[in-house]
C-alpha atoms as a PDB file:
ATOM      1  CA  UNK A   1       0.000   0.000   0.000  1.00  0.00           C
ATOM      2  CA  UNK A   2       1.617   3.277  -1.072  1.00  0.00           C
ATOM      3  CA  UNK A   3       2.008   6.042   1.467  1.00  0.00           C
ATOM      4  CA  UNK A   4      -0.108   8.602  -0.395  1.00  0.00           C
ATOM      5  CA  UNK A   5      -2.116  11.401   1.160  1.00  0.00           C
ATOM      6  CA  UNK A   6      -5.851  10.978   0.588  1.00  0.00           C
ATOM      7  CA  UNK A   7      -7.501  13.976  -1.050  1.00  0.00           C
ATOM      8  CA  UNK A   8     -11.118  13.967  -2.164  1.00  0.00           C
ATOM      9  CA  UNK A   9     -12.599  17.095  -3.720  1.00  0.00           C
ATOM     10  CA  UNK A  10     -16.340  17.350  -3.557  1.00  0.00           C
ATOM     11  CA  UNK A  11     -19.469  19.399  -3.125  1.00  0.00           C
ATOM     12  CA  UNK A  12     -20.756  21.078   0.059  1.00  0.00           C
ATOM     13  CA  UNK A  13     -23.515  19.683   2.317  1.00  0.00           C
ATOM     14  CA  UNK A  14     -26.169  21.632   0.371  1.00  0.00           C
ATOM     15  CA  UNK A  15     -25.492  19.657  -2.813  1.00  0.00           C
ATOM     16  CA  UNK A  16     -27.699  16.902  -4.172  1.00  0.00           C
ATOM     17  CA  UNK A  17     -24.575  15.309  -5.664  1.00  0.00           C
ATOM     18  CA  UNK A  18     -23.109  15.044  -2.180  1.00  0.00           C
ATOM     19  CA  UNK A  19     -26.352  13.560  -0.843  1.00  0.00           C
ATOM     20  CA  UNK A  20     -26.340  10.993  -3.636  1.00  0.00           C
ATOM     21  CA  UNK A  21     -22.694  10.101  -2.972  1.00  0.00           C
ATOM     22  CA  UNK A  22     -23.359   9.713   0.764  1.00  0.00           C
ATOM     23  CA  UNK A  23     -26.366   7.470   0.101  1.00  0.00           C
ATOM     24  CA  UNK A  24     -25.060   5.404  -2.795  1.00  0.00           C
ATOM     25  CA  UNK A  25     -21.350   5.099  -2.030  1.00  0.00           C
ATOM     26  CA  UNK A  26     -20.840   5.679   1.661  1.00  0.00           C
ATOM     27  CA  UNK A  27     -24.047   4.134   3.007  1.00  0.00           C
ATOM     28  CA  UNK A  28     -23.821   1.387   0.399  1.00  0.00           C
ATOM     29  CA  UNK A  29     -20.307   0.538   1.611  1.00  0.00           C
ATOM     30  CA  UNK A  30     -21.362   0.542   5.248  1.00  0.00           C
ATOM     31  CA  UNK A  31     -24.164  -1.900   4.501  1.00  0.00           C
ATOM     32  CA  UNK A  32     -21.468  -4.387   3.434  1.00  0.00           C
ATOM     33  CA  UNK A  33     -19.991  -4.365   6.950  1.00  0.00           C
ATOM     34  CA  UNK A  34     -22.275  -6.481   9.186  1.00  0.00           C
ATOM     35  CA  UNK A  35     -21.674  -4.503  12.407  1.00  0.00           C
ATOM     36  CA  UNK A  36     -22.488  -1.216  10.682  1.00  0.00           C
ATOM     37  CA  UNK A  37     -25.433  -2.644   8.768  1.00  0.00           C
ATOM     38  CA  UNK A  38     -26.933  -3.815  12.072  1.00  0.00           C
ATOM     39  CA  UNK A  39     -26.364  -0.362  13.563  1.00  0.00           C
ATOM     40  CA  UNK A  40     -28.766   1.143  11.013  1.00  0.00           C
ATOM     41  CA  UNK A  41     -31.630  -0.826  12.591  1.00  0.00           C
ATOM     42  CA  UNK A  42     -30.646  -0.219  16.208  1.00  0.00           C
ATOM     43  CA  UNK A  43     -29.311   3.354  16.197  1.00  0.00           C
ATOM     44  CA  UNK A  44     -29.994   5.302  13.014  1.00  0.00           C
ATOM     45  CA  UNK A  45     -28.241   8.464  14.281  1.00  0.00           C
ATOM     46  CA  UNK A  46     -25.051   6.548  15.093  1.00  0.00           C
ATOM     47  CA  UNK A  47     -25.239   4.808  11.714  1.00  0.00           C
ATOM     48  CA  UNK A  48     -25.531   8.127   9.872  1.00  0.00           C
ATOM     49  CA  UNK A  49     -22.685   9.655  11.897  1.00  0.00           C
ATOM     50  CA  UNK A  50     -20.425   6.674  11.152  1.00  0.00           C
ATOM     51  CA  UNK A  51     -21.420   6.070   7.562  1.00  0.00           C
ATOM     52  CA  UNK A  52     -22.632   9.277   5.969  1.00  0.00           C
ATOM     53  CA  UNK A  53     -20.432  11.985   7.447  1.00  0.00           C
ATOM     54  CA  UNK A  54     -17.550  13.329   5.407  1.00  0.00           C
ATOM     55  CA  UNK A  55     -14.127  13.275   7.016  1.00  0.00           C
ATOM     56  CA  UNK A  56     -13.073  16.482   8.718  1.00  0.00           C
ATOM     57  CA  UNK A  57      -9.322  15.840   8.906  1.00  0.00           C
ATOM     58  CA  UNK A  58      -8.464  17.533   5.623  1.00  0.00           C
ATOM     59  CA  UNK A  59      -8.884  14.453   3.435  1.00  0.00           C
ATOM     60  CA  UNK A  60     -12.240  15.709   2.126  1.00  0.00           C
ATOM     61  CA  UNK A  61     -12.061  19.190   0.656  1.00  0.00           C
ATOM     62  CA  UNK A  62     -15.258  21.057  -0.113  1.00  0.00           C
ATOM     63  CA  UNK A  63     -14.777  22.587  -3.527  1.00  0.00           C
ATOM     64  CA  UNK A  64     -18.097  24.403  -3.581  1.00  0.00           C
ATOM     65  CA  UNK A  65     -20.600  23.930  -6.379  1.00  0.00           C
ATOM     66  CA  UNK A  66     -17.978  24.703  -9.034  1.00  0.00           C
ATOM     67  CA  UNK A  67     -17.285  21.373 -10.740  1.00  0.00           C
ATOM     68  CA  UNK A  68     -14.893  23.098 -13.156  1.00  0.00           C
ATOM     69  CA  UNK A  69     -12.691  23.919 -10.163  1.00  0.00           C
ATOM     70  CA  UNK A  70     -12.730  20.252  -9.114  1.00  0.00           C
ATOM     71  CA  UNK A  71     -11.629  19.198 -12.597  1.00  0.00           C
ATOM     72  CA  UNK A  72      -8.837  21.813 -12.561  1.00  0.00           C
ATOM     73  CA  UNK A  73      -7.572  20.559  -9.193  1.00  0.00           C
ATOM     74  CA  UNK A  74      -7.715  16.940 -10.367  1.00  0.00           C
ATOM     75  CA  UNK A  75      -5.481  17.754 -13.320  1.00  0.00           C
ATOM     76  CA  UNK A  76      -2.904  19.215 -10.908  1.00  0.00           C
ATOM     77  CA  UNK A  77      -3.080  16.376  -8.334  1.00  0.00           C
ATOM     78  CA  UNK A  78      -3.412  13.093 -10.207  1.00  0.00           C
ATOM     79  CA  UNK A  79      -3.727  11.171  -6.906  1.00  0.00           C
ATOM     80  CA  UNK A  80      -6.854  13.081  -5.857  1.00  0.00           C
ATOM     81  CA  UNK A  81     -10.431  11.938  -6.377  1.00  0.00           C
ATOM     82  CA  UNK A  82     -13.346  14.179  -7.308  1.00  0.00           C
ATOM     83  CA  UNK A  83     -17.066  13.882  -6.734  1.00  0.00           C
ATOM     84  CA  UNK A  84     -19.198  15.486  -9.428  1.00  0.00           C
ATOM     85  CA  UNK A  85     -21.937  14.706 -11.909  1.00  0.00           C
ATOM     86  CA  UNK A  86     -21.555  12.709 -15.089  1.00  0.00           C
ATOM     87  CA  UNK A  87     -21.879  15.750 -17.355  1.00  0.00           C
ATOM     88  CA  UNK A  88     -18.535  17.091 -16.093  1.00  0.00           C
ATOM     89  CA  UNK A  89     -16.886  13.714 -16.583  1.00  0.00           C
ATOM     90  CA  UNK A  90     -18.226  13.574 -20.123  1.00  0.00           C
ATOM     91  CA  UNK A  91     -17.079  17.134 -20.882  1.00  0.00           C
ATOM     92  CA  UNK A  92     -13.606  16.518 -19.439  1.00  0.00           C
ATOM     93  CA  UNK A  93     -12.745  12.980 -20.532  1.00  0.00           C
ATOM     94  CA  UNK A  94      -9.489  14.292 -21.941  1.00  0.00           C
ATOM     95  CA  UNK A  95      -8.470  15.431 -18.421  1.00  0.00           C
ATOM     96  CA  UNK A  96     -10.059  13.019 -15.929  1.00  0.00           C
ATOM     97  CA  UNK A  97     -11.360   9.462 -15.840  1.00  0.00           C
ATOM     98  CA  UNK A  98     -14.372   8.030 -14.059  1.00  0.00           C
ATOM     99  CA  UNK A  99     -14.101   5.526 -11.242  1.00  0.00           C
ATOM    100  CA  UNK A 100     -15.026   1.939 -12.002  1.00  0.00           C
ATOM    101  CA  UNK A 101     -17.335   0.557  -9.311  1.00  0.00           C
ATOM    102  CA  UNK A 102     -17.957  -3.171  -8.992  1.00  0.00           C
ATOM    103  CA  UNK A 103     -16.390  -3.611 -12.425  1.00  0.00           C
ATOM    104  CA  UNK A 104     -18.681  -1.070 -14.088  1.00  0.00           C
ATOM    105  CA  UNK A 105     -17.440   2.137 -15.685  1.00  0.00           C
ATOM    106  CA  UNK A 106     -19.536   5.297 -15.628  1.00  0.00           C
ATOM    107  CA  UNK A 107     -20.784   5.982 -19.137  1.00  0.00           C
ATOM    108  CA  UNK A 108     -24.006   6.872 -20.897  1.00  0.00           C
ATOM    109  CA  UNK A 109     -25.195   3.269 -21.243  1.00  0.00           C
ATOM    110  CA  UNK A 110     -24.391   2.086 -17.692  1.00  0.00           C
ATOM    111  CA  UNK A 111     -26.062   5.138 -16.198  1.00  0.00           C
ATOM    112  CA  UNK A 112     -29.096   4.832 -18.486  1.00  0.00           C
ATOM    113  CA  UNK A 113     -29.643   1.172 -17.639  1.00  0.00           C
ATOM    114  CA  UNK A 114     -28.934   1.680 -13.918  1.00  0.00           C
ATOM    115  CA  UNK A 115     -25.992  -0.728 -13.791  1.00  0.00           C
ATOM    116  CA  UNK A 116     -23.479   1.904 -12.625  1.00  0.00           C
ATOM    117  CA  UNK A 117     -23.965   1.725  -8.828  1.00  0.00           C
ATOM    118  CA  UNK A 118     -23.313   5.426  -8.191  1.00  0.00           C
ATOM    119  CA  UNK A 119     -26.038   6.718 -10.482  1.00  0.00           C
ATOM    120  CA  UNK A 120     -29.571   7.596  -9.570  1.00  0.00           C
ATOM    121  CA  UNK A 121     -32.724   8.761 -11.311  1.00  0.00           C
ATOM    122  CA  UNK A 122     -34.070  12.286 -11.018  1.00  0.00           C
ATOM    123  CA  UNK A 123     -37.616  12.445  -9.701  1.00  0.00           C
ATOM    124  CA  UNK A 124     -39.951  15.371 -10.176  1.00  0.00           C
ATOM    125  CA  UNK A 125     -42.759  15.612  -7.629  1.00  0.00           C
ATOM    126  CA  UNK A 126     -45.878  17.732  -7.756  1.00  0.00           C
ATOM    127  CA  UNK A 127     -48.346  18.064  -4.928  1.00  0.00           C
ATOM    128  CA  UNK A 128     -51.701  17.176  -6.458  1.00  0.00           C
ATOM    129  CA  UNK A 129     -53.484  19.680  -4.209  1.00  0.00           C
ATOM    130  CA  UNK A 130     -51.628  22.476  -6.033  1.00  0.00           C
ATOM    131  CA  UNK A 131     -53.096  21.560  -9.430  1.00  0.00           C
ATOM    132  CA  UNK A 132     -55.668  24.207 -10.280  1.00  0.00           C
ATOM    133  CA  UNK A 133     -54.533  26.565  -7.528  1.00  0.00           C
ATOM    134  CA  UNK A 134     -51.082  27.379  -8.919  1.00  0.00           C
ATOM    135  CA  UNK A 135     -51.401  28.932 -12.378  1.00  0.00           C
ATOM    136  CA  UNK A 136     -49.348  27.217 -15.076  1.00  0.00           C
ATOM    137  CA  UNK A 137     -48.488  24.126 -13.038  1.00  0.00           C
ATOM    138  CA  UNK A 138     -50.031  21.683 -15.529  1.00  0.00           C
ATOM    139  CA  UNK A 139     -48.170  23.404 -18.360  1.00  0.00           C
ATOM    140  CA  UNK A 140     -44.934  23.225 -16.359  1.00  0.00           C
ATOM    141  CA  UNK A 141     -45.391  19.472 -15.891  1.00  0.00           C
ATOM    142  CA  UNK A 142     -46.104  19.063 -19.615  1.00  0.00           C
ATOM    143  CA  UNK A 143     -42.948  21.017 -20.475  1.00  0.00           C
ATOM    144  CA  UNK A 144     -40.796  19.006 -18.087  1.00  0.00           C
ATOM    145  CA  UNK A 145     -41.890  15.678 -19.603  1.00  0.00           C
ATOM    146  CA  UNK A 146     -41.956  16.876 -23.222  1.00  0.00           C
ATOM    147  CA  UNK A 147     -39.696  15.252 -25.767  1.00  0.00           C
ATOM    148  CA  UNK A 148     -37.904  18.581 -26.295  1.00  0.00           C
ATOM    149  CA  UNK A 149     -37.097  18.546 -22.577  1.00  0.00           C
ATOM    150  CA  UNK A 150     -36.514  14.933 -21.492  1.00  0.00           C
ATOM    151  CA  UNK A 151     -36.276  13.230 -24.854  1.00  0.00           C
ATOM    152  CA  UNK A 152     -33.157  11.569 -26.194  1.00  0.00           C
ATOM    153  CA  UNK A 153     -31.992  14.875 -27.715  1.00  0.00           C
ATOM    154  CA  UNK A 154     -33.810  17.181 -25.313  1.00  0.00           C
ATOM    155  CA  UNK A 155     -32.290  20.134 -23.530  1.00  0.00           C
ATOM    156  CA  UNK A 156     -31.994  18.178 -20.267  1.00  0.00           C
ATOM    157  CA  UNK A 157     -29.734  15.691 -22.068  1.00  0.00           C
ATOM    158  CA  UNK A 158     -27.721  18.658 -23.321  1.00  0.00           C
ATOM    159  CA  UNK A 159     -27.271  19.653 -19.653  1.00  0.00           C
ATOM    160  CA  UNK A 160     -25.848  16.239 -18.742  1.00  0.00           C
ATOM    161  CA  UNK A 161     -28.913  14.260 -17.709  1.00  0.00           C
ATOM    162  CA  UNK A 162     -29.267  10.774 -19.153  1.00  0.00           C
ATOM    163  CA  UNK A 163     -32.689  10.188 -20.744  1.00  0.00           C
ATOM    164  CA  UNK A 164     -34.808   7.259 -19.663  1.00  0.00           C
ATOM    165  CA  UNK A 165     -35.041   4.315 -22.042  1.00  0.00           C
ATOM    166  CA  UNK A 166     -37.935   4.857 -24.467  1.00  0.00           C
ATOM    167  CA  UNK A 167     -40.401   2.462 -22.784  1.00  0.00           C
ATOM    168  CA  UNK A 168     -39.830   4.036 -19.360  1.00  0.00           C
ATOM    169  CA  UNK A 169     -40.015   7.553 -20.784  1.00  0.00           C
ATOM    170  CA  UNK A 170     -43.386   6.816 -22.447  1.00  0.00           C
ATOM    171  CA  UNK A 171     -44.748   5.515 -19.124  1.00  0.00           C
ATOM    172  CA  UNK A 172     -43.373   8.491 -17.162  1.00  0.00           C
ATOM    173  CA  UNK A 173     -44.940  10.970 -19.599  1.00  0.00           C
ATOM    174  CA  UNK A 174     -48.285   9.180 -19.429  1.00  0.00           C
ATOM    175  CA  UNK A 175     -48.246   9.169 -15.622  1.00  0.00           C
ATOM    176  CA  UNK A 176     -47.220  12.825 -15.415  1.00  0.00           C
ATOM    177  CA  UNK A 177     -49.793  14.128 -17.890  1.00  0.00           C
ATOM    178  CA  UNK A 178     -52.594  12.131 -16.262  1.00  0.00           C
ATOM    179  CA  UNK A 179     -51.368  13.322 -12.828  1.00  0.00           C
ATOM    180  CA  UNK A 180     -51.216   9.705 -11.700  1.00  0.00           C
ATOM    181  CA  UNK A 181     -49.634   8.712  -8.429  1.00  0.00           C
ATOM    182  CA  UNK A 182     -45.989   7.803  -8.967  1.00  0.00           C
ATOM    183  CA  UNK A 183     -45.327   4.147  -9.644  1.00  0.00           C
ATOM    184  CA  UNK A 184     -42.016   2.446  -9.998  1.00  0.00           C
ATOM    185  CA  UNK A 185     -40.887   2.521 -13.613  1.00  0.00           C
END
């Protein structure tokens, strides 16, 4: 084992990317350790403190919400790790590489099919009681699930989101436009 300083650059506590990393990577790892997995059932606060808290000894460095800064720092320190969304990995593949997890590399296909363990879907929730009382809410929902928004070549894909496979997208659009209660896709 090389004697190398650990340095992880990542987002602040207010970031959804950090929440996802804590849940998918850190909590997921803790669940593999029987003593810690049992702690989740007996003392949730202790489990979260042990498994979902970032180190405070200088190994984890909050880089703010500026993923470009993380990429810049990674190019200077090739031993460091960075936590950021797929869009920045895709835009900077000439400078950084993604981390393989359980033998799976992060790429469009493994994120789209859910096989990359550190990916998650984006959910959009609307309180049904607000329909009719908040002007434009139905139109907003329709825009969000439109093909020009969440389609394969929609503007959300251009912002780094991975579109759902066609069959799941059709179901999601149907559920959203009919204001149906969310079901697992």
